[in-house]
Amino acid sequence: MNKKNISYISIPLLYLLTVTLLIFHWPKYFINSITLEVLGDWILGIYLICFIIAIALFKFIADTNNTVLIKVTWGIIGFVLSLFTFYLYGVFLYSINYQAAHNTSLTFVDLIEFNRYLLVIPLLLAPIFEEIVFRRIAVNFLENKTKRVWLSASISALLFLLVHWQGFESLVYLFIGLILVWVYKKGGLISSIITHITLNIIMYFIIFI
């Protein structure tokens, strides 16, 4: 097995490891009497290790297309479309008087309240990680297998929705996933990363600040 194939397998596996880490906070099961602040440190440390390994492996499958200006332009276009999509979906949920179910379990957002350093994950690390997995790897792999762009884009968006699913309000991630695939096809990986990071930062300030 060559280095490229190893990267195609290892990076998604590392991403799945980080997903389970953010959902289940599994270090708490191995460390007795751990505080939420220390749990946050463990989660950030493990995530960083997985992220660094993934970036090191990514060099074997990296692309070098388009100029910086083109990449940034498509990234901004994708951000505007994504933000508008969130707005439209919010209007739709409001029009049907949708109320999200209250979650009483410990969430990653709760941990951020105890350890602000964890913000680096949703605002920077996760967007890069997810674009590598869902766009660079998933879309390319599915296109090679199905020979259909629309089908690979739809499956990639569905997978993106799946890892973000928290109820009916999360359905918007299906459309965001499709936009990110479109941006990726137009401007490349850097463009979709720009869209994703910018969107996460703005949504954080809209929701939590």
N, C-alpha and C. Protein backbone atom coordinates (compact mmCIF):
# COMPACT_ATOMS: atom_id res chain seq x y z
N MET A 1 0.85 -1.20 0.00
CA MET A 1 0.00 0.00 0.00
C MET A 1 0.89 1.25 0.00
N ASN A 2 0.66 2.16 -0.97
CA ASN A 2 1.48 3.35 -1.05
C ASN A 2 1.04 4.42 -0.05
N LYS A 3 1.83 5.49 0.04
CA LYS A 3 1.56 6.53 1.04
C LYS A 3 0.24 7.25 0.78
N LYS A 4 -0.12 7.39 -0.50
CA LYS A 4 -1.38 8.07 -0.83
C LYS A 4 -2.57 7.27 -0.32
N ASN A 5 -2.56 5.97 -0.53
CA ASN A 5 -3.66 5.12 -0.04
C ASN A 5 -3.71 5.09 1.48
N ILE A 6 -2.53 5.07 2.11
CA ILE A 6 -2.49 5.11 3.57
C ILE A 6 -3.14 6.40 4.09
N SER A 7 -2.88 7.53 3.40
CA SER A 7 -3.48 8.81 3.80
C SER A 7 -4.98 8.78 3.64
N TYR A 8 -5.46 8.20 2.53
CA TYR A 8 -6.90 8.14 2.27
C TYR A 8 -7.64 7.33 3.34
N ILE A 9 -6.97 6.38 3.94
CA ILE A 9 -7.59 5.54 4.98
C ILE A 9 -7.38 6.16 6.37
N SER A 10 -6.16 6.60 6.63
CA SER A 10 -5.79 7.05 7.98
C SER A 10 -6.46 8.36 8.38
N ILE A 11 -6.54 9.32 7.46
CA ILE A 11 -7.11 10.63 7.81
C ILE A 11 -8.58 10.53 8.23
N PRO A 12 -9.45 9.82 7.46
CA PRO A 12 -10.83 9.65 7.94
C PRO A 12 -10.93 8.93 9.27
N LEU A 13 -10.05 7.94 9.50
CA LEU A 13 -10.07 7.22 10.77
C LEU A 13 -9.69 8.15 11.92
N LEU A 14 -8.70 9.00 11.69
CA LEU A 14 -8.32 9.99 12.71
C LEU A 14 -9.47 10.95 12.98
N TYR A 15 -10.17 11.35 11.90
CA TYR A 15 -11.30 12.25 12.07
C TYR A 15 -12.41 11.59 12.89
N LEU A 16 -12.71 10.32 12.60
CA LEU A 16 -13.73 9.59 13.37
C LEU A 16 -13.34 9.50 14.84
N LEU A 17 -12.05 9.34 15.09
CA LEU A 17 -11.57 9.30 16.47
C LEU A 17 -11.86 10.63 17.17
N THR A 18 -11.65 11.75 16.46
CA THR A 18 -11.92 13.05 17.08
C THR A 18 -13.42 13.29 17.25
N VAL A 19 -14.25 12.76 16.35
CA VAL A 19 -15.70 12.90 16.48
C VAL A 19 -16.18 12.21 17.75
N THR A 20 -15.72 10.98 17.97
CA THR A 20 -16.11 10.26 19.19
C THR A 20 -15.57 10.99 20.43
N LEU A 21 -14.41 11.61 20.28
CA LEU A 21 -13.83 12.36 21.39
C LEU A 21 -14.71 13.53 21.78
N LEU A 22 -15.22 14.28 20.79
CA LEU A 22 -16.04 15.46 21.06
C LEU A 22 -17.45 15.09 21.53
N ILE A 23 -17.94 13.93 21.10
CA ILE A 23 -19.29 13.52 21.48
C ILE A 23 -19.32 12.84 22.85
N PHE A 24 -18.39 11.92 23.05
CA PHE A 24 -18.45 11.08 24.26
C PHE A 24 -17.44 11.49 25.33
N HIS A 25 -16.47 12.37 24.99
CA HIS A 25 -15.47 12.84 25.96
C HIS A 25 -14.84 11.66 26.69
N TRP A 26 -14.37 10.67 25.91
CA TRP A 26 -13.96 9.40 26.52
C TRP A 26 -12.77 9.46 27.48
N PRO A 27 -11.93 10.50 27.53
CA PRO A 27 -10.89 10.51 28.58
C PRO A 27 -11.47 10.45 30.00
N LYS A 28 -12.71 10.93 30.17
CA LYS A 28 -13.30 10.94 31.52
C LYS A 28 -13.52 9.53 32.05
N TYR A 29 -13.56 8.52 31.15
CA TYR A 29 -13.76 7.14 31.58
C TYR A 29 -12.46 6.48 32.03
N PHE A 30 -11.31 7.12 31.73
CA PHE A 30 -10.02 6.53 32.07
C PHE A 30 -9.29 7.27 33.18
N ILE A 31 -9.79 8.47 33.53
CA ILE A 31 -9.13 9.27 34.57
C ILE A 31 -10.12 9.51 35.71
N ASN A 32 -9.77 9.07 36.87
CA ASN A 32 -10.67 9.20 38.02
C ASN A 32 -10.75 10.65 38.50
N SER A 33 -11.96 11.07 38.86
CA SER A 33 -12.21 12.39 39.46
C SER A 33 -11.66 13.54 38.61
N ILE A 34 -11.83 13.46 37.30
CA ILE A 34 -11.33 14.51 36.41
C ILE A 34 -12.28 15.70 36.42
N THR A 35 -11.73 16.90 36.49
CA THR A 35 -12.57 18.11 36.44
C THR A 35 -12.87 18.44 34.98
N LEU A 36 -13.90 19.27 34.76
CA LEU A 36 -14.26 19.62 33.39
C LEU A 36 -13.16 20.43 32.71
N GLU A 37 -12.45 21.23 33.48
CA GLU A 37 -11.35 22.02 32.91
C GLU A 37 -10.22 21.10 32.43
N VAL A 38 -9.86 20.13 33.25
CA VAL A 38 -8.80 19.18 32.89
C VAL A 38 -9.27 18.29 31.74
N LEU A 39 -10.55 17.90 31.75
CA LEU A 39 -11.10 17.12 30.65
C LEU A 39 -10.95 17.88 29.34
N GLY A 40 -11.20 19.20 29.40
CA GLY A 40 -11.02 20.03 28.21
C GLY A 40 -9.58 20.02 27.72
N ASP A 41 -8.62 20.04 28.65
CA ASP A 41 -7.20 19.99 28.27
C ASP A 41 -6.88 18.67 27.56
N TRP A 42 -7.39 17.57 28.08
CA TRP A 42 -7.16 16.26 27.48
C TRP A 42 -7.76 16.20 26.07
N ILE A 43 -8.99 16.69 25.94
CA ILE A 43 -9.65 16.67 24.63
C ILE A 43 -8.88 17.50 23.62
N LEU A 44 -8.46 18.70 24.03
CA LEU A 44 -7.70 19.56 23.12
C LEU A 44 -6.37 18.92 22.74
N GLY A 45 -5.69 18.31 23.71
CA GLY A 45 -4.41 17.67 23.43
C GLY A 45 -4.53 16.51 22.46
N ILE A 46 -5.51 15.64 22.70
CA ILE A 46 -5.72 14.48 21.82
C ILE A 46 -6.12 14.94 20.42
N TYR A 47 -7.01 15.97 20.36
CA TYR A 47 -7.45 16.48 19.07
C TYR A 47 -6.27 17.04 18.29
N LEU A 48 -5.41 17.80 18.96
CA LEU A 48 -4.24 18.38 18.31
C LEU A 48 -3.31 17.31 17.77
N ILE A 49 -3.11 16.24 18.52
CA ILE A 49 -2.25 15.14 18.06
C ILE A 49 -2.83 14.51 16.79
N CYS A 50 -4.13 14.22 16.80
CA CYS A 50 -4.79 13.63 15.63
C CYS A 50 -4.72 14.59 14.44
N PHE A 51 -4.92 15.87 14.70
CA PHE A 51 -4.90 16.88 13.64
C PHE A 51 -3.51 16.99 13.01
N ILE A 52 -2.48 17.02 13.83
CA ILE A 52 -1.10 17.13 13.33
C ILE A 52 -0.73 15.92 12.49
N ILE A 53 -1.11 14.74 12.96
CA ILE A 53 -0.84 13.52 12.18
C ILE A 53 -1.56 13.58 10.84
N ALA A 54 -2.83 14.02 10.86
CA ALA A 54 -3.62 14.11 9.62
C ALA A 54 -3.00 15.09 8.63
N ILE A 55 -2.53 16.24 9.13
CA ILE A 55 -1.90 17.24 8.27
C ILE A 55 -0.59 16.69 7.69
N ALA A 56 0.14 15.94 8.49
CA ALA A 56 1.38 15.34 8.01
C ALA A 56 1.09 14.34 6.89
N LEU A 57 0.01 13.58 7.02
CA LEU A 57 -0.37 12.61 5.99
C LEU A 57 -0.95 13.29 4.76
N PHE A 58 -1.54 14.48 4.95
CA PHE A 58 -2.22 15.17 3.86
C PHE A 58 -1.28 15.56 2.73
N LYS A 59 -0.01 15.75 3.02
CA LYS A 59 0.93 16.18 1.98
C LYS A 59 1.01 15.18 0.83
N PHE A 60 0.60 13.94 1.07
CA PHE A 60 0.65 12.92 0.02
C PHE A 60 -0.55 12.99 -0.92
N ILE A 61 -1.57 13.78 -0.56
CA ILE A 61 -2.77 13.87 -1.42
C ILE A 61 -3.14 15.32 -1.71
N ALA A 62 -2.23 16.25 -1.42
CA ALA A 62 -2.53 17.67 -1.58
C ALA A 62 -2.61 18.07 -3.04
N ASP A 63 -3.44 19.09 -3.31
CA ASP A 63 -3.57 19.68 -4.65
C ASP A 63 -2.90 21.05 -4.67
N THR A 64 -2.49 21.49 -5.86
CA THR A 64 -1.92 22.83 -6.00
C THR A 64 -2.50 23.48 -7.25
N ASN A 65 -3.79 23.81 -7.20
CA ASN A 65 -4.46 24.45 -8.34
C ASN A 65 -4.97 25.84 -7.95
N ASN A 66 -5.13 26.72 -8.95
CA ASN A 66 -5.69 28.06 -8.79
C ASN A 66 -4.75 29.01 -8.04
N THR A 67 -4.93 30.29 -8.32
CA THR A 67 -4.15 31.31 -7.63
C THR A 67 -4.76 31.61 -6.27
N VAL A 68 -4.00 32.32 -5.44
CA VAL A 68 -4.47 32.67 -4.10
C VAL A 68 -5.74 33.52 -4.19
N LEU A 69 -5.75 34.47 -5.12
CA LEU A 69 -6.90 35.36 -5.26
C LEU A 69 -8.16 34.59 -5.61
N ILE A 70 -8.04 33.62 -6.51
CA ILE A 70 -9.19 32.80 -6.90
C ILE A 70 -9.69 31.99 -5.71
N LYS A 71 -8.76 31.40 -4.96
CA LYS A 71 -9.13 30.59 -3.80
C LYS A 71 -9.88 31.43 -2.76
N VAL A 72 -9.35 32.62 -2.47
CA VAL A 72 -9.97 33.50 -1.48
C VAL A 72 -11.35 33.96 -1.97
N THR A 73 -11.44 34.30 -3.25
CA THR A 73 -12.71 34.77 -3.81
C THR A 73 -13.80 33.72 -3.68
N TRP A 74 -13.49 32.49 -4.07
CA TRP A 74 -14.48 31.42 -3.96
C TRP A 74 -14.80 31.11 -2.50
N GLY A 75 -13.80 31.26 -1.63
CA GLY A 75 -14.05 31.06 -0.20
C GLY A 75 -15.04 32.07 0.35
N ILE A 76 -14.90 33.32 -0.06
CA ILE A 76 -15.82 34.38 0.38
C ILE A 76 -17.21 34.16 -0.20
N ILE A 77 -17.28 33.79 -1.47
CA ILE A 77 -18.58 33.51 -2.10
C ILE A 77 -19.29 32.38 -1.36
N GLY A 78 -18.54 31.34 -1.04
CA GLY A 78 -19.12 30.22 -0.30
C GLY A 78 -19.62 30.63 1.07
N PHE A 79 -18.87 31.50 1.75
CA PHE A 79 -19.27 31.97 3.07
C PHE A 79 -20.58 32.74 2.99
N VAL A 80 -20.70 33.65 2.03
CA VAL A 80 -21.93 34.45 1.87
C VAL A 80 -23.12 33.55 1.60
N LEU A 81 -22.96 32.58 0.71
CA LEU A 81 -24.05 31.65 0.40
C LEU A 81 -24.43 30.81 1.61
N SER A 82 -23.43 30.35 2.36
CA SER A 82 -23.69 29.53 3.54
C SER A 82 -24.42 30.32 4.62
N LEU A 83 -23.97 31.56 4.85
CA LEU A 83 -24.61 32.40 5.86
C LEU A 83 -26.06 32.69 5.47
N PHE A 84 -26.30 32.94 4.18
CA PHE A 84 -27.66 33.19 3.70
C PHE A 84 -28.52 31.94 3.85
N THR A 85 -27.91 30.77 3.64
CA THR A 85 -28.63 29.51 3.80
C THR A 85 -29.05 29.30 5.24
N PHE A 86 -28.14 29.59 6.19
CA PHE A 86 -28.48 29.51 7.61
C PHE A 86 -29.63 30.46 7.94
N TYR A 87 -29.59 31.65 7.38
CA TYR A 87 -30.65 32.63 7.63
C TYR A 87 -31.99 32.12 7.11
N LEU A 88 -32.03 31.62 5.88
CA LEU A 88 -33.28 31.11 5.30
C LEU A 88 -33.82 29.94 6.10
N TYR A 89 -32.92 29.06 6.53
CA TYR A 89 -33.38 27.90 7.30
C TYR A 89 -33.90 28.34 8.67
N GLY A 90 -33.28 29.36 9.25
CA GLY A 90 -33.77 29.91 10.51
C GLY A 90 -35.15 30.51 10.35
N VAL A 91 -35.38 31.21 9.24
CA VAL A 91 -36.70 31.77 8.95
C VAL A 91 -37.72 30.65 8.80
N PHE A 92 -37.32 29.58 8.14
CA PHE A 92 -38.22 28.44 7.95
C PHE A 92 -38.60 27.81 9.30
N LEU A 93 -37.60 27.57 10.16
CA LEU A 93 -37.88 26.99 11.47
C LEU A 93 -38.78 27.89 12.29
N TYR A 94 -38.56 29.19 12.19
CA TYR A 94 -39.40 30.15 12.92
C TYR A 94 -40.82 30.13 12.40
N SER A 95 -40.98 29.98 11.07
CA SER A 95 -42.32 30.00 10.47
C SER A 95 -43.16 28.80 10.87
N ILE A 96 -42.49 27.69 11.22
CA ILE A 96 -43.24 26.49 11.62
C ILE A 96 -43.24 26.34 13.15
N ASN A 97 -42.75 27.38 13.85
CA ASN A 97 -42.70 27.37 15.32
C ASN A 97 -41.95 26.17 15.88
N TYR A 98 -40.84 25.85 15.23
CA TYR A 98 -40.05 24.70 15.67
C TYR A 98 -39.29 25.02 16.95
N GLN A 99 -39.32 24.09 17.91
CA GLN A 99 -38.60 24.22 19.16
C GLN A 99 -37.62 23.06 19.29
N ALA A 100 -36.34 23.39 19.39
CA ALA A 100 -35.32 22.34 19.52
C ALA A 100 -35.46 21.64 20.86
N ALA A 101 -35.22 20.34 20.86
CA ALA A 101 -35.29 19.55 22.09
C ALA A 101 -34.16 19.97 23.03
N HIS A 102 -34.47 20.02 24.33
CA HIS A 102 -33.47 20.42 25.32
C HIS A 102 -32.57 19.23 25.65
N ASN A 103 -31.26 19.45 25.53
CA ASN A 103 -30.29 18.39 25.79
C ASN A 103 -29.72 18.57 27.20
N THR A 104 -29.93 17.57 28.06
CA THR A 104 -29.49 17.66 29.45
C THR A 104 -28.11 17.03 29.66
N SER A 105 -27.57 16.33 28.65
CA SER A 105 -26.28 15.69 28.81
C SER A 105 -25.15 16.70 28.59
N LEU A 106 -23.95 16.34 29.04
CA LEU A 106 -22.79 17.20 28.89
C LEU A 106 -22.40 17.28 27.41
N THR A 107 -22.32 18.49 26.88
CA THR A 107 -21.97 18.67 25.48
C THR A 107 -20.61 19.36 25.37
N PHE A 108 -20.08 19.39 24.15
CA PHE A 108 -18.81 20.06 23.91
C PHE A 108 -18.91 21.55 24.20
N VAL A 109 -20.08 22.14 23.90
CA VAL A 109 -20.30 23.56 24.18
C VAL A 109 -20.20 23.82 25.68
N ASP A 110 -20.71 22.90 26.49
CA ASP A 110 -20.60 23.03 27.94
C ASP A 110 -19.13 23.05 28.38
N LEU A 111 -18.33 22.19 27.76
CA LEU A 111 -16.91 22.12 28.13
C LEU A 111 -16.18 23.40 27.79
N ILE A 112 -16.59 24.07 26.70
CA ILE A 112 -15.95 25.33 26.31
C ILE A 112 -16.10 26.37 27.41
N GLU A 113 -17.22 26.33 28.15
CA GLU A 113 -17.44 27.27 29.24
C GLU A 113 -16.38 27.13 30.33
N PHE A 114 -15.82 25.93 30.45
CA PHE A 114 -14.81 25.67 31.48
C PHE A 114 -13.39 25.77 30.93
N ASN A 115 -13.25 25.69 29.60
CA ASN A 115 -11.92 25.74 29.00
C ASN A 115 -12.01 26.43 27.65
N ARG A 116 -11.72 27.73 27.62
CA ARG A 116 -11.88 28.53 26.41
C ARG A 116 -10.89 28.14 25.31
N TYR A 117 -9.79 27.47 25.69
CA TYR A 117 -8.84 27.04 24.67
C TYR A 117 -9.47 26.05 23.68
N LEU A 118 -10.54 25.39 24.11
CA LEU A 118 -11.22 24.42 23.24
C LEU A 118 -11.84 25.09 22.02
N LEU A 119 -12.01 26.41 22.05
CA LEU A 119 -12.58 27.12 20.90
C LEU A 119 -11.75 26.94 19.64
N VAL A 120 -10.47 26.65 19.81
CA VAL A 120 -9.61 26.47 18.63
C VAL A 120 -10.08 25.28 17.78
N ILE A 121 -10.80 24.33 18.40
CA ILE A 121 -11.28 23.17 17.64
C ILE A 121 -12.38 23.56 16.66
N PRO A 122 -13.54 24.09 17.13
CA PRO A 122 -14.61 24.42 16.17
C PRO A 122 -14.29 25.60 15.26
N LEU A 123 -13.43 26.52 15.72
CA LEU A 123 -13.18 27.73 14.94
C LEU A 123 -12.01 27.60 13.97
N LEU A 124 -11.16 26.58 14.14
CA LEU A 124 -10.00 26.45 13.26
C LEU A 124 -9.69 25.00 12.87
N LEU A 125 -9.46 24.15 13.85
CA LEU A 125 -8.99 22.79 13.55
C LEU A 125 -10.05 21.94 12.86
N ALA A 126 -11.26 21.91 13.41
CA ALA A 126 -12.32 21.08 12.84
C ALA A 126 -12.66 21.45 11.40
N PRO A 127 -12.80 22.74 11.06
CA PRO A 127 -13.08 23.08 9.66
C PRO A 127 -12.02 22.56 8.69
N ILE A 128 -10.75 22.66 9.06
CA ILE A 128 -9.68 22.15 8.19
C ILE A 128 -9.77 20.64 8.08
N PHE A 129 -9.92 19.98 9.23
CA PHE A 129 -10.02 18.52 9.28
C PHE A 129 -11.20 18.04 8.43
N GLU A 130 -12.35 18.67 8.60
CA GLU A 130 -13.56 18.24 7.90
C GLU A 130 -13.48 18.48 6.39
N GLU A 131 -12.85 19.56 5.99
CA GLU A 131 -12.71 19.81 4.55
C GLU A 131 -11.80 18.78 3.90
N ILE A 132 -10.76 18.38 4.60
CA ILE A 132 -9.88 17.33 4.07
C ILE A 132 -10.65 16.03 3.94
N VAL A 133 -11.44 15.69 4.96
CA VAL A 133 -12.16 14.41 4.97
C VAL A 133 -13.34 14.41 4.02
N PHE A 134 -14.24 15.40 4.15
CA PHE A 134 -15.50 15.37 3.40
C PHE A 134 -15.40 15.90 1.98
N ARG A 135 -14.44 16.77 1.72
CA ARG A 135 -14.30 17.29 0.36
C ARG A 135 -13.12 16.64 -0.36
N ARG A 136 -11.90 16.82 0.14
CA ARG A 136 -10.74 16.31 -0.58
C ARG A 136 -10.75 14.78 -0.72
N ILE A 137 -11.07 14.08 0.36
CA ILE A 137 -11.02 12.62 0.32
C ILE A 137 -12.34 12.03 -0.16
N ALA A 138 -13.45 12.37 0.52
CA ALA A 138 -14.74 11.75 0.21
C ALA A 138 -15.20 12.06 -1.22
N VAL A 139 -15.19 13.34 -1.60
CA VAL A 139 -15.67 13.72 -2.94
C VAL A 139 -14.82 13.08 -4.03
N ASN A 140 -13.49 13.16 -3.90
CA ASN A 140 -12.62 12.57 -4.91
C ASN A 140 -12.79 11.06 -5.01
N PHE A 141 -12.86 10.40 -3.85
CA PHE A 141 -13.02 8.95 -3.83
C PHE A 141 -14.35 8.54 -4.47
N LEU A 142 -15.43 9.24 -4.09
CA LEU A 142 -16.75 8.90 -4.60
C LEU A 142 -16.87 9.19 -6.10
N GLU A 143 -16.25 10.27 -6.55
CA GLU A 143 -16.27 10.58 -7.99
C GLU A 143 -15.54 9.50 -8.79
N ASN A 144 -14.42 9.04 -8.26
CA ASN A 144 -13.68 7.98 -8.95
C ASN A 144 -14.48 6.69 -9.02
N LYS A 145 -15.29 6.43 -8.00
CA LYS A 145 -16.07 5.20 -7.94
C LYS A 145 -17.37 5.30 -8.74
N THR A 146 -18.08 6.42 -8.62
CA THR A 146 -19.41 6.54 -9.23
C THR A 146 -19.39 7.21 -10.60
N LYS A 147 -18.35 8.02 -10.85
CA LYS A 147 -18.24 8.80 -12.10
C LYS A 147 -19.37 9.83 -12.23
N ARG A 148 -20.01 10.17 -11.11
CA ARG A 148 -21.10 11.15 -11.12
C ARG A 148 -20.83 12.22 -10.06
N VAL A 149 -20.68 13.45 -10.52
CA VAL A 149 -20.37 14.54 -9.61
C VAL A 149 -21.50 14.78 -8.63
N TRP A 150 -22.75 14.80 -9.13
CA TRP A 150 -23.89 15.11 -8.26
C TRP A 150 -24.07 14.06 -7.18
N LEU A 151 -23.79 12.79 -7.52
CA LEU A 151 -23.95 11.71 -6.55
C LEU A 151 -22.88 11.80 -5.47
N SER A 152 -21.65 12.04 -5.87
CA SER A 152 -20.56 12.16 -4.89
C SER A 152 -20.79 13.36 -3.99
N ALA A 153 -21.29 14.48 -4.56
CA ALA A 153 -21.57 15.67 -3.77
C ALA A 153 -22.68 15.40 -2.76
N SER A 154 -23.72 14.67 -3.18
CA SER A 154 -24.86 14.38 -2.29
C SER A 154 -24.44 13.47 -1.14
N ILE A 155 -23.64 12.45 -1.45
CA ILE A 155 -23.20 11.52 -0.40
C ILE A 155 -22.29 12.24 0.58
N SER A 156 -21.38 13.07 0.06
CA SER A 156 -20.49 13.84 0.93
C SER A 156 -21.29 14.75 1.85
N ALA A 157 -22.31 15.41 1.30
CA ALA A 157 -23.16 16.31 2.10
C ALA A 157 -23.95 15.53 3.16
N LEU A 158 -24.41 14.34 2.81
CA LEU A 158 -25.15 13.50 3.76
C LEU A 158 -24.25 13.07 4.92
N LEU A 159 -23.01 12.71 4.59
CA LEU A 159 -22.05 12.32 5.64
C LEU A 159 -21.75 13.52 6.54
N PHE A 160 -21.62 14.69 5.93
CA PHE A 160 -21.38 15.93 6.68
C PHE A 160 -22.55 16.21 7.62
N LEU A 161 -23.76 16.00 7.13
CA LEU A 161 -24.96 16.17 7.97
C LEU A 161 -24.96 15.18 9.12
N LEU A 162 -24.58 13.95 8.84
CA LEU A 162 -24.62 12.89 9.84
C LEU A 162 -23.77 13.22 11.06
N VAL A 163 -22.55 13.72 10.83
CA VAL A 163 -21.67 13.99 11.98
C VAL A 163 -22.07 15.27 12.71
N HIS A 164 -22.95 16.08 12.11
CA HIS A 164 -23.42 17.30 12.77
C HIS A 164 -24.86 17.16 13.28
N TRP A 165 -25.45 16.00 13.15
CA TRP A 165 -26.86 15.83 13.46
C TRP A 165 -27.15 15.97 14.95
N GLN A 166 -28.05 16.88 15.29
CA GLN A 166 -28.51 17.05 16.67
C GLN A 166 -30.03 17.24 16.70
N GLY A 167 -30.69 16.91 15.64
CA GLY A 167 -32.13 17.10 15.54
C GLY A 167 -32.49 17.76 14.22
N PHE A 168 -33.78 18.03 14.04
CA PHE A 168 -34.28 18.58 12.78
C PHE A 168 -33.61 19.90 12.41
N GLU A 169 -33.21 20.67 13.42
CA GLU A 169 -32.57 21.96 13.15
C GLU A 169 -31.21 21.78 12.46
N SER A 170 -30.65 20.56 12.53
CA SER A 170 -29.35 20.31 11.92
C SER A 170 -29.45 20.01 10.42
N LEU A 171 -30.67 19.89 9.90
CA LEU A 171 -30.84 19.56 8.48
C LEU A 171 -30.17 20.59 7.56
N VAL A 172 -29.98 21.79 8.05
CA VAL A 172 -29.33 22.84 7.26
C VAL A 172 -27.92 22.43 6.84
N TYR A 173 -27.29 21.54 7.61
CA TYR A 173 -25.93 21.12 7.28
C TYR A 173 -25.88 20.32 5.98
N LEU A 174 -27.00 19.76 5.57
CA LEU A 174 -27.04 19.09 4.27
C LEU A 174 -26.80 20.11 3.15
N PHE A 175 -27.45 21.25 3.26
CA PHE A 175 -27.30 22.30 2.24
C PHE A 175 -25.92 22.97 2.34
N ILE A 176 -25.43 23.13 3.58
CA ILE A 176 -24.10 23.69 3.76
C ILE A 176 -23.05 22.74 3.16
N GLY A 177 -23.27 21.44 3.35
CA GLY A 177 -22.36 20.45 2.78
C GLY A 177 -22.31 20.54 1.26
N LEU A 178 -23.47 20.74 0.64
CA LEU A 178 -23.53 20.87 -0.82
C LEU A 178 -22.81 22.14 -1.29
N ILE A 179 -22.99 23.23 -0.55
CA ILE A 179 -22.31 24.48 -0.89
C ILE A 179 -20.79 24.30 -0.79
N LEU A 180 -20.35 23.62 0.26
CA LEU A 180 -18.92 23.41 0.45
C LEU A 180 -18.33 22.54 -0.66
N VAL A 181 -19.09 21.55 -1.12
CA VAL A 181 -18.62 20.74 -2.25
C VAL A 181 -18.50 21.62 -3.50
N TRP A 182 -19.50 22.46 -3.74
CA TRP A 182 -19.49 23.35 -4.91
C TRP A 182 -18.29 24.30 -4.85
N VAL A 183 -18.03 24.86 -3.67
CA VAL A 183 -16.88 25.76 -3.49
C VAL A 183 -15.58 24.99 -3.72
N TYR A 184 -15.52 23.77 -3.20
CA TYR A 184 -14.33 22.93 -3.38
C TYR A 184 -14.07 22.65 -4.85
N LYS A 185 -15.13 22.36 -5.60
CA LYS A 185 -14.97 22.06 -7.03
C LYS A 185 -14.55 23.30 -7.81
N LYS A 186 -14.98 24.48 -7.35
CA LYS A 186 -14.67 25.71 -8.05
C LYS A 186 -13.28 26.25 -7.69
N GLY A 187 -12.98 26.28 -6.42
CA GLY A 187 -11.75 26.94 -5.98
C GLY A 187 -10.72 26.04 -5.33
N GLY A 188 -11.10 24.79 -5.04
CA GLY A 188 -10.17 23.88 -4.39
C GLY A 188 -10.34 23.83 -2.88
N LEU A 189 -9.48 23.05 -2.25
CA LEU A 189 -9.60 22.80 -0.82
C LEU A 189 -9.44 24.07 0.02
N ILE A 190 -8.50 24.93 -0.34
CA ILE A 190 -8.27 26.16 0.43
C ILE A 190 -9.54 27.01 0.45
N SER A 191 -10.25 27.07 -0.68
CA SER A 191 -11.48 27.86 -0.75
C SER A 191 -12.55 27.33 0.20
N SER A 192 -12.75 26.02 0.21
CA SER A 192 -13.77 25.45 1.10
C SER A 192 -13.36 25.60 2.56
N ILE A 193 -12.06 25.54 2.84
CA ILE A 193 -11.58 25.78 4.21
C ILE A 193 -11.86 27.21 4.63
N ILE A 194 -11.61 28.17 3.74
CA ILE A 194 -11.89 29.58 4.04
C ILE A 194 -13.37 29.77 4.35
N THR A 195 -14.23 29.18 3.50
CA THR A 195 -15.68 29.26 3.72
C THR A 195 -16.04 28.69 5.08
N HIS A 196 -15.53 27.52 5.39
CA HIS A 196 -15.90 26.79 6.60
C HIS A 196 -15.43 27.52 7.86
N ILE A 197 -14.17 27.94 7.87
CA ILE A 197 -13.64 28.64 9.04
C ILE A 197 -14.38 29.96 9.28
N THR A 198 -14.55 30.74 8.21
CA THR A 198 -15.23 32.03 8.34
C THR A 198 -16.66 31.85 8.84
N LEU A 199 -17.35 30.86 8.30
CA LEU A 199 -18.73 30.59 8.71
C LEU A 199 -18.79 30.21 10.19
N ASN A 200 -17.90 29.32 10.63
CA ASN A 200 -17.90 28.89 12.03
C ASN A 200 -17.63 30.06 12.98
N ILE A 201 -16.69 30.93 12.60
CA ILE A 201 -16.37 32.07 13.45
C ILE A 201 -17.56 33.02 13.56
N ILE A 202 -18.17 33.36 12.42
CA ILE A 202 -19.31 34.27 12.43
C ILE A 202 -20.49 33.67 13.16
N MET A 203 -20.78 32.39 12.94
CA MET A 203 -21.91 31.74 13.62
C MET A 203 -21.67 31.68 15.13
N TYR A 204 -20.42 31.50 15.54
CA TYR A 204 -20.12 31.49 16.97
C TYR A 204 -20.47 32.84 17.59
N PHE A 205 -20.06 33.93 16.94
CA PHE A 205 -20.33 35.25 17.49
C PHE A 205 -21.83 35.57 17.45
N ILE A 206 -22.53 35.08 16.43
CA ILE A 206 -23.97 35.33 16.33
C ILE A 206 -24.73 34.60 17.45
N ILE A 207 -24.32 33.37 17.71
CA ILE A 207 -25.06 32.51 18.65
C ILE A 207 -24.65 32.76 20.10
N PHE A 208 -23.33 32.93 20.35
CA PHE A 208 -22.85 32.92 21.74
C PHE A 208 -22.40 34.27 22.28
N ILE A 209 -22.18 35.24 21.42
CA ILE A 209 -21.69 36.53 21.93
C ILE A 209 -22.82 37.53 22.04
